[in-house]
């Protein structure tokens, strides 16, 4: 049962605050071990749009946010020179999404047809391994949601499609994760939104 997992207990024990902007609910967690996490939910669909972890700066600075689910958090001070270089790269770009029923990965800039890819659940390494028969691409996709529940990855839950040079990999959420998603969204309704928004929260 998900309520017995270390993950669920740590969520329950975390200090939580939240903001609501239009149809987005942002929740900030401060865990007992000092770690910080931010989640964003669509209040209509109850789907998690983003989950990011605060990573401490190497020199004890403010640190950055590392995105686990959702689009990268825009840098407050983008360097225009490097931004242009990044845009022009043809390197594969990986993003993580969530839907109500699936965990989803999108890998852009992969031009090969669907039959080129081998996508396999690897429980020894607790990840999904993506490789191409032409040996042009290899990637290990972490699935922290399943690992936190202590469940094995099931090959039968993996589906994939390929369109517009993008490989889309979907992992069907097991019942335990669906139950936890639903239960946790109900739990978050108890967290009252903050009226006065501190400046540092707006930036997240």
Protein backbone atom coordinates (compact mmCIF):
# COMPACT_ATOMS: atom_id res chain seq x y z
CA UNK A 1 0.00 0.00 0.00
CA UNK A 2 1.39 3.40 -1.01
CA UNK A 3 0.70 4.88 2.45
CA UNK A 4 3.39 2.62 3.90
CA UNK A 5 6.11 3.87 1.53
CA UNK A 6 8.91 6.13 2.75
CA UNK A 7 7.95 8.53 -0.06
CA UNK A 8 4.34 8.96 1.07
CA UNK A 9 5.37 9.32 4.70
CA UNK A 10 7.97 11.97 3.77
CA UNK A 11 5.32 13.90 1.79
CA UNK A 12 2.99 13.79 4.79
CA UNK A 13 5.77 14.93 7.13
CA UNK A 14 6.99 17.76 4.89
CA UNK A 15 6.23 21.40 5.64
CA UNK A 16 3.92 22.53 2.82
CA UNK A 17 2.79 25.90 1.49
CA UNK A 18 0.87 26.63 -1.68
CA UNK A 19 -0.12 29.33 -4.13
CA UNK A 20 -2.96 29.35 -6.63
CA UNK A 21 -2.67 31.23 -9.92
CA UNK A 22 -5.57 30.80 -12.33
CA UNK A 23 -5.87 27.03 -12.77
CA UNK A 24 -2.39 26.24 -11.47
CA UNK A 25 -1.73 25.14 -7.91
CA UNK A 26 1.92 25.44 -6.84
CA UNK A 27 3.03 23.54 -3.77
CA UNK A 28 6.35 24.06 -2.00
CA UNK A 29 7.65 21.24 0.20
CA UNK A 30 10.35 21.43 2.86
CA UNK A 31 11.34 17.93 3.92
CA UNK A 32 12.68 16.94 7.32
CA UNK A 33 16.09 16.17 5.76
CA UNK A 34 16.33 19.77 4.49
CA UNK A 35 15.51 19.05 0.84
CA UNK A 36 13.05 21.28 -1.04
CA UNK A 37 10.64 20.38 -3.81
CA UNK A 38 8.08 22.32 -5.85
CA UNK A 39 5.08 20.82 -7.62
CA UNK A 40 2.59 22.42 -10.00
CA UNK A 41 -0.85 20.94 -10.63
CA UNK A 42 -3.62 21.75 -13.07
CA UNK A 43 -6.61 22.17 -10.73
CA UNK A 44 -9.11 21.13 -13.45
CA UNK A 45 -7.45 17.88 -14.50
CA UNK A 46 -5.60 17.25 -11.18
CA UNK A 47 -2.55 16.31 -13.28
CA UNK A 48 0.97 17.07 -12.07
CA UNK A 49 2.51 19.54 -14.55
CA UNK A 50 5.91 19.99 -12.94
CA UNK A 51 8.05 18.60 -10.13
CA UNK A 52 11.42 20.17 -9.39
CA UNK A 53 14.03 19.72 -6.67
CA UNK A 54 16.26 22.41 -5.20
CA UNK A 55 19.89 21.46 -5.79
CA UNK A 56 22.39 23.14 -3.49
CA UNK A 57 25.02 25.34 -5.19
CA UNK A 58 28.54 23.92 -5.20
CA UNK A 59 29.88 26.94 -3.34
CA UNK A 60 27.00 27.10 -0.90
CA UNK A 61 25.10 29.55 -3.11
CA UNK A 62 21.38 29.66 -3.77
CA UNK A 63 21.44 26.57 -6.01
CA UNK A 64 19.26 25.68 -8.99
CA UNK A 65 16.03 23.81 -9.54
CA UNK A 66 16.39 20.39 -11.16
CA UNK A 67 13.23 19.41 -13.03
CA UNK A 68 11.98 15.84 -12.60
CA UNK A 69 8.65 16.27 -14.43
CA UNK A 70 7.60 19.03 -16.83
CA UNK A 71 9.36 21.61 -18.95
CA UNK A 72 12.62 23.12 -17.72
CA UNK A 73 12.23 26.17 -15.48
CA UNK A 74 13.28 29.22 -17.53
CA UNK A 75 16.50 30.80 -16.34
CA UNK A 76 15.82 34.23 -14.86
CA UNK A 77 18.94 35.62 -16.58
CA UNK A 78 19.37 33.74 -19.85
CA UNK A 79 22.62 34.29 -21.68
CA UNK A 80 21.54 35.30 -25.19
CA UNK A 81 24.75 34.07 -26.80
CA UNK A 82 24.50 30.54 -25.41
CA UNK A 83 20.70 30.47 -25.87
CA UNK A 84 21.17 30.82 -29.63
CA UNK A 85 23.76 28.05 -29.68
CA UNK A 86 21.49 25.72 -27.71
CA UNK A 87 18.56 26.37 -30.04
CA UNK A 88 20.56 25.46 -33.13
CA UNK A 89 21.76 22.11 -31.81
CA UNK A 90 20.37 18.93 -33.31
CA UNK A 91 21.07 16.99 -30.13
CA UNK A 92 18.17 14.89 -28.80
CA UNK A 93 16.21 16.80 -26.14
CA UNK A 94 14.43 14.84 -23.43
CA UNK A 95 11.40 16.14 -21.50
CA UNK A 96 9.14 14.40 -18.98
CA UNK A 97 5.37 14.81 -18.87
CA UNK A 98 2.49 13.35 -16.92
CA UNK A 99 -1.04 12.58 -18.01
CA UNK A 100 -3.85 11.16 -15.90
CA UNK A 101 -3.00 7.60 -16.92
CA UNK A 102 0.59 7.68 -18.21
CA UNK A 103 4.11 8.74 -17.35
CA UNK A 104 5.49 10.19 -20.57
CA UNK A 105 8.89 10.96 -22.07
CA UNK A 106 9.39 12.96 -25.26
CA UNK A 107 12.74 12.81 -27.02
CA UNK A 108 12.93 15.43 -29.77
CA UNK A 109 15.44 15.46 -32.66
CA UNK A 110 15.30 11.68 -33.18
CA UNK A 111 14.63 11.25 -36.91
CA UNK A 112 14.72 7.42 -37.11
CA UNK A 113 11.50 5.44 -37.72
CA UNK A 114 9.77 3.66 -34.83
CA UNK A 115 11.12 0.20 -35.71
CA UNK A 116 14.67 1.50 -35.10
CA UNK A 117 14.09 1.79 -31.33
CA UNK A 118 14.34 -0.87 -28.68
CA UNK A 119 12.62 0.24 -25.46
CA UNK A 120 12.95 -2.13 -22.53
CA UNK A 121 12.17 -2.19 -18.82
CA UNK A 122 15.34 -2.99 -16.87
CA UNK A 123 14.67 -3.86 -13.24
CA UNK A 124 18.33 -4.49 -12.42
CA UNK A 125 19.03 -0.81 -13.07
CA UNK A 126 15.48 0.36 -12.19
CA UNK A 127 15.08 2.24 -15.48
CA UNK A 128 13.74 2.07 -19.02
CA UNK A 129 16.51 1.67 -21.58
CA UNK A 130 16.13 3.22 -25.04
CA UNK A 131 18.55 2.18 -27.75
CA UNK A 132 18.58 2.27 -31.53
CA UNK A 133 19.54 -0.59 -33.84
CA UNK A 134 21.83 1.83 -35.72
CA UNK A 135 23.67 2.58 -32.43
CA UNK A 136 23.04 6.33 -32.84
CA UNK A 137 21.19 6.80 -29.56
CA UNK A 138 21.24 5.26 -26.08
CA UNK A 139 19.48 6.55 -22.96
CA UNK A 140 18.47 5.32 -19.52
CA UNK A 141 15.16 6.80 -18.40
CA UNK A 142 14.68 6.94 -14.65
CA UNK A 143 11.17 6.23 -13.36
CA UNK A 144 11.27 7.64 -9.81
CA UNK A 145 7.49 7.39 -9.32
CA UNK A 146 7.61 3.60 -9.66
CA UNK A 147 10.85 3.25 -7.67
CA UNK A 148 9.33 5.21 -4.76
CA UNK A 149 6.47 2.74 -4.59
CA UNK A 150 8.98 -0.11 -4.52
CA UNK A 151 7.36 -1.69 -7.59
CA UNK A 152 9.05 -3.42 -10.53
CA UNK A 153 8.82 -1.95 -14.03
CA UNK A 154 6.54 -3.92 -16.35
CA UNK A 155 7.43 -4.25 -20.02
CA UNK A 156 3.70 -4.61 -20.82
CA UNK A 157 3.08 -1.06 -19.51
CA UNK A 158 5.40 0.52 -22.11
CA UNK A 159 4.06 1.96 -25.36
CA UNK A 160 5.74 4.21 -27.91
CA UNK A 161 4.99 6.30 -30.97
CA UNK A 162 7.16 8.39 -33.30
CA UNK A 163 6.10 11.56 -35.09
CA UNK A 164 7.66 14.87 -36.16
CA UNK A 165 11.17 13.60 -35.29
CA UNK A 166 9.99 12.97 -31.72
CA UNK A 167 9.96 9.62 -29.96
CA UNK A 168 7.16 9.47 -27.38
CA UNK A 169 7.40 6.78 -24.70
CA UNK A 170 4.44 6.15 -22.42
CA UNK A 171 4.42 4.08 -19.25
CA UNK A 172 0.95 3.17 -18.02
CA UNK A 173 0.60 4.14 -14.37
CA UNK A 174 0.02 1.10 -12.16
CA UNK A 175 -3.14 1.12 -10.01
CA UNK A 176 -1.14 1.90 -6.86
CA UNK A 177 0.24 5.10 -8.44
CA UNK A 178 -3.21 6.12 -9.72
CA UNK A 179 -4.59 5.64 -6.22
CA UNK A 180 -1.76 7.65 -4.70
CA UNK A 181 -2.14 10.50 -7.22
CA UNK A 182 -5.83 10.76 -6.36
CA UNK A 183 -5.30 10.52 -2.61
CA UNK A 184 -2.45 13.06 -2.64
CA UNK A 185 -4.41 15.65 -4.61
CA UNK A 186 -7.17 15.37 -1.97
CA UNK A 187 -4.53 15.78 0.76
CA UNK A 188 -3.20 18.94 -0.93
CA UNK A 189 -6.66 20.50 -0.78
CA UNK A 190 -6.06 20.84 2.97
CA UNK A 191 -3.06 23.13 2.34
CA UNK A 192 -4.43 26.65 2.40
CA UNK A 193 -3.04 29.00 -0.30
CA UNK A 194 -0.85 31.89 0.80
CA UNK A 195 -2.45 35.30 0.22
CA UNK A 196 0.70 37.45 0.23
CA UNK A 197 3.21 36.11 -2.24
CA UNK A 198 6.85 36.59 -1.27
CA UNK A 199 9.01 37.71 -4.22
CA UNK A 200 11.18 34.59 -4.18
CA UNK A 201 8.06 32.40 -4.67
CA UNK A 202 6.99 34.31 -7.78
CA UNK A 203 10.27 33.45 -9.46
CA UNK A 204 9.72 29.70 -9.21
